[in-house]
Amino acid sequence: MPISTAPYKRKYEHTHARGSEAVVECVFCGRRLPRYKSFTIKRKFSINDPTLKKQIDPKYLHTFERKHYVCPSCARFRGIAQPGKSVRKKHLEI
C-alpha cells in the first residue's frame, strides 16, 4: 500500500456523509468548495486611526475576529498553505 499523505494539515474533520458536507465560498476567488477542502484564515478588525481611537472609550471599542475560508489554489498563491514534498516523495529520495 503506497504512502500518500498530504504535506499539510487541515483542522477540519468530516461530520457528514459524502455529498452532504457543508459548502463554503472562497474569500478571494468566490469558488464554492466543500468545507473539508478549504483552508481557514482569521482576520481581525481594528481601528487604525489614532485620533479616532482616542475619541472612543476602550470599553466600547470591540474588535472582532472573522473566520474566512480559502480554496487550495488561492491558499498556495497567497502563501497561506505552502505544501512541501509529500511523504511518498520523501521516501523515494532516501
PDB file of N, CA and C in Angstrom:
ATOM      1  N   MET A   1       0.842  -1.179   0.000  1.00  0.00           N
ATOM      2  CA  MET A   1       0.000   0.000   0.000  1.00  0.00           C
ATOM      3  C   MET A   1       0.888   1.244   0.000  1.00  0.00           C
ATOM      4  N   PRO A   2       0.715   2.143  -0.988  1.00  0.00           N
ATOM      5  CA  PRO A   2       1.581   3.324  -1.068  1.00  0.00           C
ATOM      6  C   PRO A   2       1.268   4.337   0.025  1.00  0.00           C
ATOM      7  N   ILE A   3       2.313   5.027   0.436  1.00  0.00           N
ATOM      8  CA  ILE A   3       2.158   6.090   1.428  1.00  0.00           C
ATOM      9  C   ILE A   3       1.836   7.370   0.672  1.00  0.00           C
ATOM     10  N   SER A   4       0.680   7.942   0.926  1.00  0.00           N
ATOM     11  CA  SER A   4       0.312   9.174   0.221  1.00  0.00           C
ATOM     12  C   SER A   4      -0.493  10.076   1.144  1.00  0.00           C
ATOM     13  N   THR A   5       0.206  10.752   2.033  1.00  0.00           N
ATOM     14  CA  THR A   5      -0.473  11.718   2.888  1.00  0.00           C
ATOM     15  C   THR A   5      -0.101  13.118   2.437  1.00  0.00           C
ATOM     16  N   ALA A   6      -0.975  14.042   2.677  1.00  0.00           N
ATOM     17  CA  ALA A   6      -0.745  15.427   2.266  1.00  0.00           C
ATOM     18  C   ALA A   6       0.360  16.048   3.112  1.00  0.00           C
ATOM     19  N   PRO A   7       1.166  16.933   2.531  1.00  0.00           N
ATOM     20  CA  PRO A   7       2.258  17.560   3.283  1.00  0.00           C
ATOM     21  C   PRO A   7       1.804  18.719   4.169  1.00  0.00           C
ATOM     22  N   TYR A   8       0.506  18.895   4.345  1.00  0.00           N
ATOM     23  CA  TYR A   8      -0.013  19.955   5.200  1.00  0.00           C
ATOM     24  C   TYR A   8      -1.146  19.393   6.040  1.00  0.00           C
ATOM     25  N   LYS A   9      -1.538  20.106   7.056  1.00  0.00           N
ATOM     26  CA  LYS A   9      -2.582  19.641   7.967  1.00  0.00           C
ATOM     27  C   LYS A   9      -3.822  20.505   7.814  1.00  0.00           C
ATOM     28  N   ARG A  10      -4.964  19.864   7.757  1.00  0.00           N
ATOM     29  CA  ARG A  10      -6.237  20.579   7.810  1.00  0.00           C
ATOM     30  C   ARG A  10      -6.854  20.281   9.156  1.00  0.00           C
ATOM     31  N   LYS A  11      -7.495  21.258   9.753  1.00  0.00           N
ATOM     32  CA  LYS A  11      -8.018  21.097  11.098  1.00  0.00           C
ATOM     33  C   LYS A  11      -9.456  20.608  11.112  1.00  0.00           C
ATOM     34  N   TYR A  12     -10.090  20.528   9.956  1.00  0.00           N
ATOM     35  CA  TYR A  12     -11.496  20.149   9.895  1.00  0.00           C
ATOM     36  C   TYR A  12     -11.631  18.641   9.761  1.00  0.00           C
ATOM     37  N   GLU A  13     -12.566  18.067  10.482  1.00  0.00           N
ATOM     38  CA  GLU A  13     -12.840  16.638  10.360  1.00  0.00           C
ATOM     39  C   GLU A  13     -14.229  16.461   9.779  1.00  0.00           C
ATOM     40  N   HIS A  14     -14.417  15.370   9.063  1.00  0.00           N
ATOM     41  CA  HIS A  14     -15.709  15.109   8.436  1.00  0.00           C
ATOM     42  C   HIS A  14     -16.776  14.866   9.494  1.00  0.00           C
ATOM     43  N   THR A  15     -17.930  15.472   9.277  1.00  0.00           N
ATOM     44  CA  THR A  15     -19.047  15.273  10.192  1.00  0.00           C
ATOM     45  C   THR A  15     -20.266  14.708   9.479  1.00  0.00           C
ATOM     46  N   HIS A  16     -20.298  14.767   8.156  1.00  0.00           N
ATOM     47  CA  HIS A  16     -21.435  14.276   7.385  1.00  0.00           C
ATOM     48  C   HIS A  16     -20.950  13.272   6.353  1.00  0.00           C
ATOM     49  N   ALA A  17     -21.902  12.605   5.743  1.00  0.00           N
ATOM     50  CA  ALA A  17     -21.565  11.678   4.668  1.00  0.00           C
ATOM     51  C   ALA A  17     -21.163  12.471   3.431  1.00  0.00           C
ATOM     52  N   ARG A  18     -20.509  11.795   2.510  1.00  0.00           N
ATOM     53  CA  ARG A  18     -20.090  12.476   1.290  1.00  0.00           C
ATOM     54  C   ARG A  18     -21.307  12.999   0.535  1.00  0.00           C
ATOM     55  N   GLY A  19     -21.212  14.178  -0.005  1.00  0.00           N
ATOM     56  CA  GLY A  19     -22.322  14.763  -0.738  1.00  0.00           C
ATOM     57  C   GLY A  19     -23.182  15.674   0.110  1.00  0.00           C
ATOM     58  N   SER A  20     -23.116  15.517   1.419  1.00  0.00           N
ATOM     59  CA  SER A  20     -23.914  16.392   2.280  1.00  0.00           C
ATOM     60  C   SER A  20     -23.027  17.248   3.176  1.00  0.00           C
ATOM     61  N   GLU A  21     -21.757  17.395   2.791  1.00  0.00           N
ATOM     62  CA  GLU A  21     -20.849  18.270   3.533  1.00  0.00           C
ATOM     63  C   GLU A  21     -21.243  19.724   3.304  1.00  0.00           C
ATOM     64  N   ALA A  22     -20.897  20.567   4.241  1.00  0.00           N
ATOM     65  CA  ALA A  22     -21.185  21.995   4.108  1.00  0.00           C
ATOM     66  C   ALA A  22     -20.330  22.587   2.990  1.00  0.00           C
ATOM     67  N   VAL A  23     -20.930  23.465   2.213  1.00  0.00           N
ATOM     68  CA  VAL A  23     -20.225  24.119   1.116  1.00  0.00           C
ATOM     69  C   VAL A  23     -19.920  25.553   1.538  1.00  0.00           C
ATOM     70  N   VAL A  24     -18.671  25.972   1.360  1.00  0.00           N
ATOM     71  CA  VAL A  24     -18.255  27.330   1.706  1.00  0.00           C
ATOM     72  C   VAL A  24     -17.745  28.028   0.452  1.00  0.00           C
ATOM     73  N   GLU A  25     -17.586  29.326   0.553  1.00  0.00           N
ATOM     74  CA  GLU A  25     -17.140  30.116  -0.585  1.00  0.00           C
ATOM     75  C   GLU A  25     -15.765  30.710  -0.291  1.00  0.00           C
ATOM     76  N   CYS A  26     -14.875  30.628  -1.262  1.00  0.00           N
ATOM     77  CA  CYS A  26     -13.533  31.188  -1.110  1.00  0.00           C
ATOM     78  C   CYS A  26     -13.635  32.712  -1.038  1.00  0.00           C
ATOM     79  N   VAL A  27     -12.885  33.304  -0.125  1.00  0.00           N
ATOM     80  CA  VAL A  27     -12.934  34.753   0.077  1.00  0.00           C
ATOM     81  C   VAL A  27     -12.330  35.491  -1.113  1.00  0.00           C
ATOM     82  N   PHE A  28     -11.300  34.924  -1.717  1.00  0.00           N
ATOM     83  CA  PHE A  28     -10.559  35.630  -2.756  1.00  0.00           C
ATOM     84  C   PHE A  28     -11.154  35.456  -4.150  1.00  0.00           C
ATOM     85  N   CYS A  29     -11.491  34.222  -4.544  1.00  0.00           N
ATOM     86  CA  CYS A  29     -11.951  33.998  -5.914  1.00  0.00           C
ATOM     87  C   CYS A  29     -13.445  33.706  -6.010  1.00  0.00           C
ATOM     88  N   GLY A  30     -14.101  33.395  -4.897  1.00  0.00           N
ATOM     89  CA  GLY A  30     -15.539  33.137  -4.928  1.00  0.00           C
ATOM     90  C   GLY A  30     -15.908  31.711  -5.275  1.00  0.00           C
ATOM     91  N   ARG A  31     -14.944  30.842  -5.413  1.00  0.00           N
ATOM     92  CA  ARG A  31     -15.219  29.441  -5.743  1.00  0.00           C
ATOM     93  C   ARG A  31     -15.938  28.767  -4.581  1.00  0.00           C
ATOM     94  N   ARG A  32     -16.939  27.941  -4.899  1.00  0.00           N
ATOM     95  CA  ARG A  32     -17.651  27.185  -3.875  1.00  0.00           C
ATOM     96  C   ARG A  32     -17.021  25.804  -3.786  1.00  0.00           C
ATOM     97  N   LEU A  33     -16.659  25.398  -2.563  1.00  0.00           N
ATOM     98  CA  LEU A  33     -15.989  24.126  -2.364  1.00  0.00           C
ATOM     99  C   LEU A  33     -16.411  23.538  -1.026  1.00  0.00           C
ATOM    100  N   PRO A  34     -16.247  22.215  -0.853  1.00  0.00           N
ATOM    101  CA  PRO A  34     -16.584  21.600   0.432  1.00  0.00           C
ATOM    102  C   PRO A  34     -15.705  22.156   1.544  1.00  0.00           C
ATOM    103  N   ARG A  35     -16.251  22.221   2.736  1.00  0.00           N
ATOM    104  CA  ARG A  35     -15.534  22.837   3.854  1.00  0.00           C
ATOM    105  C   ARG A  35     -14.265  22.074   4.204  1.00  0.00           C
ATOM    106  N   TYR A  36     -14.270  20.754   4.028  1.00  0.00           N
ATOM    107  CA  TYR A  36     -13.089  19.978   4.402  1.00  0.00           C
ATOM    108  C   TYR A  36     -11.915  20.232   3.471  1.00  0.00           C
ATOM    109  N   LYS A  37     -12.154  20.748   2.275  1.00  0.00           N
ATOM    110  CA  LYS A  37     -11.057  21.036   1.347  1.00  0.00           C
ATOM    111  C   LYS A  37     -10.482  22.434   1.549  1.00  0.00           C
ATOM    112  N   SER A  38     -11.154  23.257   2.307  1.00  0.00           N
ATOM    113  CA  SER A  38     -10.735  24.652   2.423  1.00  0.00           C
ATOM    114  C   SER A  38      -9.725  24.851   3.545  1.00  0.00           C
ATOM    115  N   PHE A  39      -8.985  25.941   3.447  1.00  0.00           N
ATOM    116  CA  PHE A  39      -8.075  26.382   4.496  1.00  0.00           C
ATOM    117  C   PHE A  39      -8.721  27.578   5.173  1.00  0.00           C
ATOM    118  N   THR A  40      -8.525  27.708   6.466  1.00  0.00           N
ATOM    119  CA  THR A  40      -9.147  28.813   7.184  1.00  0.00           C
ATOM    120  C   THR A  40      -8.100  29.857   7.552  1.00  0.00           C
ATOM    121  N   ILE A  41      -8.518  31.106   7.457  1.00  0.00           N
ATOM    122  CA  ILE A  41      -7.705  32.209   7.952  1.00  0.00           C
ATOM    123  C   ILE A  41      -8.608  33.055   8.840  1.00  0.00           C
ATOM    124  N   LYS A  42      -8.018  33.706   9.819  1.00  0.00           N
ATOM    125  CA  LYS A  42      -8.790  34.565  10.705  1.00  0.00           C
ATOM    126  C   LYS A  42      -8.323  35.998  10.499  1.00  0.00           C
ATOM    127  N   ARG A  43      -9.283  36.864  10.278  1.00  0.00           N
ATOM    128  CA  ARG A  43      -8.979  38.278  10.100  1.00  0.00           C
ATOM    129  C   ARG A  43      -9.611  39.066  11.228  1.00  0.00           C
ATOM    130  N   LYS A  44      -8.831  39.984  11.755  1.00  0.00           N
ATOM    131  CA  LYS A  44      -9.322  40.811  12.851  1.00  0.00           C
ATOM    132  C   LYS A  44      -9.658  42.204  12.336  1.00  0.00           C
ATOM    133  N   PHE A  45     -10.597  42.830  13.013  1.00  0.00           N
ATOM    134  CA  PHE A  45     -10.977  44.203  12.702  1.00  0.00           C
ATOM    135  C   PHE A  45     -10.421  45.104  13.790  1.00  0.00           C
ATOM    136  N   SER A  46      -9.741  46.137  13.401  1.00  0.00           N
ATOM    137  CA  SER A  46      -9.252  47.106  14.381  1.00  0.00           C
ATOM    138  C   SER A  46      -9.242  48.491  13.746  1.00  0.00           C
ATOM    139  N   ILE A  47      -9.368  49.488  14.578  1.00  0.00           N
ATOM    140  CA  ILE A  47      -9.346  50.872  14.103  1.00  0.00           C
ATOM    141  C   ILE A  47      -7.894  51.346  14.124  1.00  0.00           C
ATOM    142  N   ASN A  48      -7.412  51.781  12.974  1.00  0.00           N
ATOM    143  CA  ASN A  48      -6.007  52.179  12.849  1.00  0.00           C
ATOM    144  C   ASN A  48      -5.792  53.679  13.050  1.00  0.00           C
ATOM    145  N   ASP A  49      -6.846  54.456  12.958  1.00  0.00           N
ATOM    146  CA  ASP A  49      -6.721  55.907  13.077  1.00  0.00           C
ATOM    147  C   ASP A  49      -6.497  56.294  14.544  1.00  0.00           C
ATOM    148  N   PRO A  50      -5.354  56.883  14.909  1.00  0.00           N
ATOM    149  CA  PRO A  50      -5.075  57.188  16.315  1.00  0.00           C
ATOM    150  C   PRO A  50      -6.006  58.235  16.921  1.00  0.00           C
ATOM    151  N   THR A  51      -6.445  59.208  16.128  1.00  0.00           N
ATOM    152  CA  THR A  51      -7.354  60.224  16.679  1.00  0.00           C
ATOM    153  C   THR A  51      -8.726  59.629  16.969  1.00  0.00           C
ATOM    154  N   LEU A  52      -9.158  58.726  16.135  1.00  0.00           N
ATOM    155  CA  LEU A  52     -10.446  58.063  16.353  1.00  0.00           C
ATOM    156  C   LEU A  52     -10.387  57.133  17.557  1.00  0.00           C
ATOM    157  N   LYS A  53      -9.233  56.491  17.762  1.00  0.00           N
ATOM    158  CA  LYS A  53      -9.057  55.612  18.922  1.00  0.00           C
ATOM    159  C   LYS A  53      -9.134  56.389  20.230  1.00  0.00           C
ATOM    160  N   LYS A  54      -8.590  57.603  20.231  1.00  0.00           N
ATOM    161  CA  LYS A  54      -8.619  58.426  21.439  1.00  0.00           C
ATOM    162  C   LYS A  54     -10.034  58.905  21.767  1.00  0.00           C
ATOM    163  N   GLN A  55     -10.834  59.131  20.730  1.00  0.00           N
ATOM    164  CA  GLN A  55     -12.190  59.630  20.930  1.00  0.00           C
ATOM    165  C   GLN A  55     -13.125  58.555  21.483  1.00  0.00           C
ATOM    166  N   ILE A  56     -12.880  57.307  21.123  1.00  0.00           N
ATOM    167  CA  ILE A  56     -13.762  56.212  21.535  1.00  0.00           C
ATOM    168  C   ILE A  56     -13.248  55.615  22.835  1.00  0.00           C
ATOM    169  N   ASP A  57     -14.156  55.390  23.757  1.00  0.00           N
ATOM    170  CA  ASP A  57     -13.822  54.778  25.044  1.00  0.00           C
ATOM    171  C   ASP A  57     -13.413  53.318  24.805  1.00  0.00           C
ATOM    172  N   PRO A  58     -12.317  52.844  25.409  1.00  0.00           N
ATOM    173  CA  PRO A  58     -11.845  51.472  25.154  1.00  0.00           C
ATOM    174  C   PRO A  58     -12.859  50.379  25.489  1.00  0.00           C
ATOM    175  N   LYS A  59     -13.733  50.628  26.451  1.00  0.00           N
ATOM    176  CA  LYS A  59     -14.695  49.571  26.789  1.00  0.00           C
ATOM    177  C   LYS A  59     -15.802  49.440  25.738  1.00  0.00           C
ATOM    178  N   TYR A  60     -15.963  50.457  24.891  1.00  0.00           N
ATOM    179  CA  TYR A  60     -16.935  50.377  23.801  1.00  0.00           C
ATOM    180  C   TYR A  60     -16.286  49.988  22.475  1.00  0.00           C
ATOM    181  N   LEU A  61     -15.004  49.865  22.485  1.00  0.00           N
ATOM    182  CA  LEU A  61     -14.272  49.528  21.269  1.00  0.00           C
ATOM    183  C   LEU A  61     -14.075  48.015  21.210  1.00  0.00           C
ATOM    184  N   HIS A  62     -14.945  47.343  20.494  1.00  0.00           N
ATOM    185  CA  HIS A  62     -14.878  45.887  20.392  1.00  0.00           C
ATOM    186  C   HIS A  62     -14.235  45.514  19.056  1.00  0.00           C
ATOM    187  N   THR A  63     -13.150  44.814  19.121  1.00  0.00           N
ATOM    188  CA  THR A  63     -12.547  44.289  17.899  1.00  0.00           C
ATOM    189  C   THR A  63     -12.992  42.846  17.767  1.00  0.00           C
ATOM    190  N   PHE A  64     -13.412  42.484  16.599  1.00  0.00           N
ATOM    191  CA  PHE A  64     -13.911  41.132  16.399  1.00  0.00           C
ATOM    192  C   PHE A  64     -13.040  40.390  15.395  1.00  0.00           C
ATOM    193  N   GLU A  65     -13.158  39.095  15.436  1.00  0.00           N
ATOM    194  CA  GLU A  65     -12.365  38.222  14.581  1.00  0.00           C
ATOM    195  C   GLU A  65     -13.325  37.447  13.693  1.00  0.00           C
ATOM    196  N   ARG A  66     -12.998  37.361  12.431  1.00  0.00           N
ATOM    197  CA  ARG A  66     -13.861  36.678  11.486  1.00  0.00           C
ATOM    198  C   ARG A  66     -13.096  35.526  10.844  1.00  0.00           C
ATOM    199  N   LYS A  67     -13.768  34.408  10.666  1.00  0.00           N
ATOM    200  CA  LYS A  67     -13.140  33.239  10.052  1.00  0.00           C
ATOM    201  C   LYS A  67     -13.479  33.231   8.566  1.00  0.00           C
ATOM    202  N   HIS A  68     -12.456  33.146   7.730  1.00  0.00           N
ATOM    203  CA  HIS A  68     -12.641  33.117   6.285  1.00  0.00           C
ATOM    204  C   HIS A  68     -12.116  31.796   5.745  1.00  0.00           C
ATOM    205  N   TYR A  69     -12.740  31.340   4.666  1.00  0.00           N
ATOM    206  CA  TYR A  69     -12.338  30.090   4.032  1.00  0.00           C
ATOM    207  C   TYR A  69     -11.658  30.397   2.703  1.00  0.00           C
ATOM    208  N   VAL A  70     -10.577  29.657   2.416  1.00  0.00           N
ATOM    209  CA  VAL A  70      -9.782  29.882   1.218  1.00  0.00           C
ATOM    210  C   VAL A  70      -9.642  28.563   0.477  1.00  0.00           C
ATOM    211  N   CYS A  71      -9.803  28.598  -0.848  1.00  0.00           N
ATOM    212  CA  CYS A  71      -9.642  27.380  -1.647  1.00  0.00           C
ATOM    213  C   CYS A  71      -8.149  27.046  -1.757  1.00  0.00           C
ATOM    214  N   PRO A  72      -7.807  25.797  -2.069  1.00  0.00           N
ATOM    215  CA  PRO A  72      -6.390  25.394  -2.113  1.00  0.00           C
ATOM    216  C   PRO A  72      -5.543  26.188  -3.108  1.00  0.00           C
ATOM    217  N   SER A  73      -6.106  26.531  -4.277  1.00  0.00           N
ATOM    218  CA  SER A  73      -5.297  27.257  -5.262  1.00  0.00           C
ATOM    219  C   SER A  73      -4.988  28.682  -4.791  1.00  0.00           C
ATOM    220  N   CYS A  74      -5.953  29.354  -4.184  1.00  0.00           N
ATOM    221  CA  CYS A  74      -5.697  30.701  -3.647  1.00  0.00           C
ATOM    222  C   CYS A  74      -4.760  30.634  -2.446  1.00  0.00           C
ATOM    223  N   ALA A  75      -4.881  29.570  -1.651  1.00  0.00           N
ATOM    224  CA  ALA A  75      -4.011  29.422  -0.477  1.00  0.00           C
ATOM    225  C   ALA A  75      -2.560  29.243  -0.907  1.00  0.00           C
ATOM    226  N   ARG A  76      -2.327  28.487  -1.977  1.00  0.00           N
ATOM    227  CA  ARG A  76      -0.962  28.321  -2.477  1.00  0.00           C
ATOM    228  C   ARG A  76      -0.446  29.629  -3.071  1.00  0.00           C
ATOM    229  N   PHE A  77      -1.293  30.326  -3.822  1.00  0.00           N
ATOM    230  CA  PHE A  77      -0.884  31.563  -4.481  1.00  0.00           C
ATOM    231  C   PHE A  77      -0.544  32.651  -3.471  1.00  0.00           C
ATOM    232  N   ARG A  78      -1.286  32.729  -2.382  1.00  0.00           N
ATOM    233  CA  ARG A  78      -1.093  33.780  -1.388  1.00  0.00           C
ATOM    234  C   ARG A  78      -0.176  33.374  -0.249  1.00  0.00           C
ATOM    235  N   GLY A  79       0.345  32.153  -0.266  1.00  0.00           N
ATOM    236  CA  GLY A  79       1.303  31.722   0.744  1.00  0.00           C
ATOM    237  C   GLY A  79       0.678  31.286   2.049  1.00  0.00           C
ATOM    238  N   ILE A  80      -0.629  31.017   2.064  1.00  0.00           N
ATOM    239  CA  ILE A  80      -1.295  30.550   3.278  1.00  0.00           C
ATOM    240  C   ILE A  80      -0.928  29.096   3.530  1.00  0.00           C
ATOM    241  N   ALA A  81      -0.985  28.285   2.488  1.00  0.00           N
ATOM    242  CA  ALA A  81      -0.564  26.887   2.577  1.00  0.00           C
ATOM    243  C   ALA A  81       0.646  26.727   1.679  1.00  0.00           C
ATOM    244  N   GLN A  82       1.721  26.221   2.241  1.00  0.00           N
ATOM    245  CA  GLN A  82       2.931  26.018   1.462  1.00  0.00           C
ATOM    246  C   GLN A  82       3.259  24.537   1.463  1.00  0.00           C
ATOM    247  N   PRO A  83       2.644  23.791   0.555  1.00  0.00           N
ATOM    248  CA  PRO A  83       2.887  22.356   0.563  1.00  0.00           C
ATOM    249  C   PRO A  83       4.314  22.035   0.169  1.00  0.00           C
ATOM    250  N   GLY A  84       4.929  21.190   0.956  1.00  0.00           N
ATOM    251  CA  GLY A  84       6.260  20.710   0.628  1.00  0.00           C
ATOM    252  C   GLY A  84       6.136  19.412  -0.133  1.00  0.00           C
ATOM    253  N   LYS A  85       7.103  18.561  -0.004  1.00  0.00           N
ATOM    254  CA  LYS A  85       7.033  17.273  -0.672  1.00  0.00           C
ATOM    255  C   LYS A  85       6.147  16.336   0.127  1.00  0.00           C
ATOM    256  N   SER A  86       5.427  15.495  -0.579  1.00  0.00           N
ATOM    257  CA  SER A  86       4.573  14.535   0.107  1.00  0.00           C
ATOM    258  C   SER A  86       5.442  13.459   0.753  1.00  0.00           C
ATOM    259  N   VAL A  87       4.850  12.711   1.632  1.00  0.00           N
ATOM    260  CA  VAL A  87       5.581  11.664   2.348  1.00  0.00           C
ATOM    261  C   VAL A  87       6.094  10.617   1.367  1.00  0.00           C
ATOM    262  N   ARG A  88       5.304  10.343   0.339  1.00  0.00           N
ATOM    263  CA  ARG A  88       5.698   9.343  -0.654  1.00  0.00           C
ATOM    264  C   ARG A  88       6.981   9.778  -1.364  1.00  0.00           C
ATOM    265  N   LYS A  89       7.070  11.043  -1.753  1.00  0.00           N
ATOM    266  CA  LYS A  89       8.266  11.532  -2.445  1.00  0.00           C
ATOM    267  C   LYS A  89       9.465  11.589  -1.512  1.00  0.00           C
ATOM    268  N   LYS A  90       9.222  11.863  -0.232  1.00  0.00           N
ATOM    269  CA  LYS A  90      10.326  11.874   0.723  1.00  0.00           C
ATOM    270  C   LYS A  90      10.928  10.485   0.869  1.00  0.00           C
ATOM    271  N   HIS A  91      10.068   9.460   0.861  1.00  0.00           N
ATOM    272  CA  HIS A  91      10.562   8.090   0.998  1.00  0.00           C
ATOM    273  C   HIS A  91      11.296   7.622  -0.257  1.00  0.00           C
ATOM    274  N   LEU A  92      10.933   8.163  -1.420  1.00  0.00           N
ATOM    275  CA  LEU A  92      11.603   7.769  -2.655  1.00  0.00           C
ATOM    276  C   LEU A  92      13.036   8.285  -2.703  1.00  0.00           C
ATOM    277  N   GLU A  93      13.303   9.438  -2.078  1.00  0.00           N
ATOM    278  CA  GLU A  93      14.641  10.027  -2.124  1.00  0.00           C
ATOM    279  C   GLU A  93      15.641   9.313  -1.229  1.00  0.00           C
ATOM    280  N   ILE A  94      15.168   8.651  -0.201  1.00  0.00           N
ATOM    281  CA  ILE A  94      16.081   8.008   0.761  1.00  0.00           C
ATOM    282  C   ILE A  94      16.756   6.803   0.174  1.00  0.00           C
TER     283      ILE A  94
END
